[in-house]
Amino acid sequence: MALSLEATKHLIRLQATADALVQSARSAKGGSLQPLRAVGRQLEALAESIRDVLKAEDPDLARQFDQEVGGEVATPHAADAAASAIAGWLRGVVAAEQVEAQLAANAKAYAEEKVRAERGVGFRAPEE
């Protein structure tokens, strides 16, 4: 089932958030654990937002997200990997939606062209 345009746009915004959290986690590595814990909490909230969007649109995709990514950060040091996994998964979902939309647009254009070719275009004078 294709996601709605609104859901896809929402996931794109969440992807941007995930990308920012990847950078935050990488910047915090090697220092205090406090910033990594904060990134971990943000990742868990982000994962919940993703689940909410997916559950409303495509429960199977929501289950797939939980199986493949989950969004839980086991330790502060895992924040970088968790953020990267979420960002990558979202990129894949958005890319798949774009491919599906392009295929649908191509099929529609082909069907419209076929109808035009069969029916002709414009006014035709009666043949005598």
Protein backbone atom coordinates (compact mmCIF):
# COMPACT_ATOMS: atom_id res chain seq x y z
CA MET A 1 0.00 0.00 0.00
CA ALA A 2 1.37 3.38 -0.96
CA LEU A 3 1.72 6.02 1.70
CA SER A 4 -0.24 9.21 1.28
CA LEU A 5 1.58 12.33 0.15
CA GLU A 6 1.13 13.85 3.62
CA ALA A 7 2.61 10.79 5.32
CA THR A 8 5.54 10.74 2.88
CA LYS A 9 6.23 14.44 3.54
CA HIS A 10 6.06 13.76 7.29
CA LEU A 11 8.58 10.93 6.93
CA ILE A 12 10.88 13.21 4.91
CA ARG A 13 10.82 15.71 7.79
CA LEU A 14 11.52 12.92 10.27
CA GLN A 15 14.39 11.77 8.06
CA ALA A 16 15.92 15.25 8.31
CA THR A 17 15.62 15.00 12.09
CA ALA A 18 17.31 11.59 12.05
CA ASP A 19 20.14 13.00 9.92
CA ALA A 20 20.63 15.80 12.46
CA LEU A 21 20.70 13.26 15.30
CA VAL A 22 23.38 11.26 13.45
CA GLN A 23 25.54 14.39 13.44
CA SER A 24 24.78 15.11 17.10
CA ALA A 25 25.70 11.57 18.13
CA ARG A 26 28.94 11.70 16.17
CA SER A 27 29.84 15.08 17.68
CA ALA A 28 29.17 13.79 21.20
CA LYS A 29 31.32 10.66 20.85
CA GLY A 30 34.37 10.55 23.04
CA GLY A 31 33.06 13.08 25.51
CA SER A 32 30.58 13.00 28.35
CA LEU A 33 27.80 10.41 28.20
CA GLN A 34 25.17 13.05 28.93
CA PRO A 35 24.91 14.33 25.33
CA LEU A 36 24.74 10.75 24.03
CA ARG A 37 21.95 9.95 26.48
CA ALA A 38 20.08 13.03 25.26
CA VAL A 39 20.49 11.88 21.65
CA GLY A 40 19.26 8.44 22.68
CA ARG A 41 16.11 9.93 24.22
CA GLN A 42 15.53 11.99 21.08
CA LEU A 43 15.96 8.88 18.92
CA GLU A 44 13.40 6.97 20.94
CA ALA A 45 10.94 9.86 20.57
CA LEU A 46 11.70 10.00 16.83
CA ALA A 47 11.09 6.26 16.49
CA GLU A 48 7.74 6.66 18.22
CA SER A 49 6.77 9.45 15.79
CA ILE A 50 7.74 7.21 12.87
CA ARG A 51 5.63 4.37 14.30
CA ASP A 52 2.65 6.71 14.66
CA VAL A 53 2.85 7.81 11.01
CA LEU A 54 3.32 4.25 9.77
CA LYS A 55 0.62 2.68 11.93
CA ALA A 56 -1.92 5.19 10.62
CA GLU A 57 -0.96 4.52 6.98
CA ASP A 58 0.48 1.03 6.71
CA PRO A 59 0.58 -1.25 9.79
CA ASP A 60 2.70 -3.80 7.91
CA LEU A 61 5.34 -1.16 7.26
CA ALA A 62 5.19 -0.17 10.94
CA ARG A 63 5.91 -3.80 11.89
CA GLN A 64 8.74 -3.87 9.38
CA PHE A 65 10.23 -0.75 10.98
CA ASP A 66 10.08 -2.37 14.42
CA GLN A 67 11.69 -5.58 13.13
CA GLU A 68 14.44 -3.93 11.14
CA VAL A 69 15.25 -0.82 13.16
CA GLY A 70 13.29 -0.67 16.39
CA GLY A 71 14.54 2.72 17.46
CA GLU A 72 15.59 1.72 20.95
CA VAL A 73 19.05 2.78 22.07
CA ALA A 74 20.55 0.06 24.29
CA THR A 75 23.48 2.15 25.51
CA PRO A 76 24.50 5.77 25.01
CA HIS A 77 27.40 4.56 22.83
CA ALA A 78 24.89 2.96 20.43
CA ALA A 79 23.21 6.30 19.64
CA ASP A 80 25.31 6.86 16.50
CA ALA A 81 24.45 3.44 15.07
CA ALA A 82 20.78 3.76 16.01
CA ALA A 83 20.51 7.21 14.42
CA SER A 84 22.22 5.98 11.25
CA ALA A 85 19.89 2.97 11.03
CA ILE A 86 16.78 5.12 11.40
CA ALA A 87 18.00 7.70 8.87
CA GLY A 88 18.94 5.02 6.36
CA TRP A 89 15.65 3.17 6.79
CA LEU A 90 13.70 6.39 6.25
CA ARG A 91 15.74 7.17 3.12
CA GLY A 92 14.80 3.75 1.79
CA VAL A 93 11.10 4.21 2.50
CA VAL A 94 11.03 7.65 0.89
CA ALA A 95 12.93 6.34 -2.16
CA ALA A 96 10.49 3.43 -2.51
CA GLU A 97 7.55 5.83 -2.33
CA GLN A 98 9.13 8.01 -5.02
CA VAL A 99 9.64 5.00 -7.29
CA GLU A 100 6.05 3.88 -6.74
CA ALA A 101 4.72 7.36 -7.51
CA GLN A 102 6.84 7.59 -10.67
CA LEU A 103 5.65 4.17 -11.87
CA ALA A 104 2.03 5.19 -11.28
CA ALA A 105 2.56 8.46 -13.16
CA ASN A 106 4.21 6.62 -16.06
CA ALA A 107 1.37 4.08 -16.23
CA LYS A 108 -1.22 6.85 -16.23
CA ALA A 109 0.59 8.78 -18.97
CA TYR A 110 0.89 5.61 -21.07
CA ALA A 111 -2.82 4.83 -20.66
CA GLU A 112 -3.80 8.39 -21.58
CA GLU A 113 -1.58 8.31 -24.67
CA LYS A 114 -3.04 4.96 -25.72
CA VAL A 115 -6.59 6.33 -25.43
CA ARG A 116 -5.62 9.41 -27.47
CA ALA A 117 -4.04 7.23 -30.16
CA GLU A 118 -7.13 4.99 -30.37
CA ARG A 119 -9.70 7.78 -30.33
CA GLY A 120 -7.77 10.45 -32.12
CA VAL A 121 -7.49 14.02 -31.03
CA GLY A 122 -9.66 16.95 -31.99
CA PHE A 123 -12.54 17.36 -34.39
CA ARG A 124 -12.88 15.15 -37.41
CA ALA A 125 -15.04 16.04 -40.35
CA PRO A 126 -17.36 13.29 -41.50
CA GLU A 127 -15.96 11.37 -44.40
CA GLU A 128 -17.99 11.26 -47.58
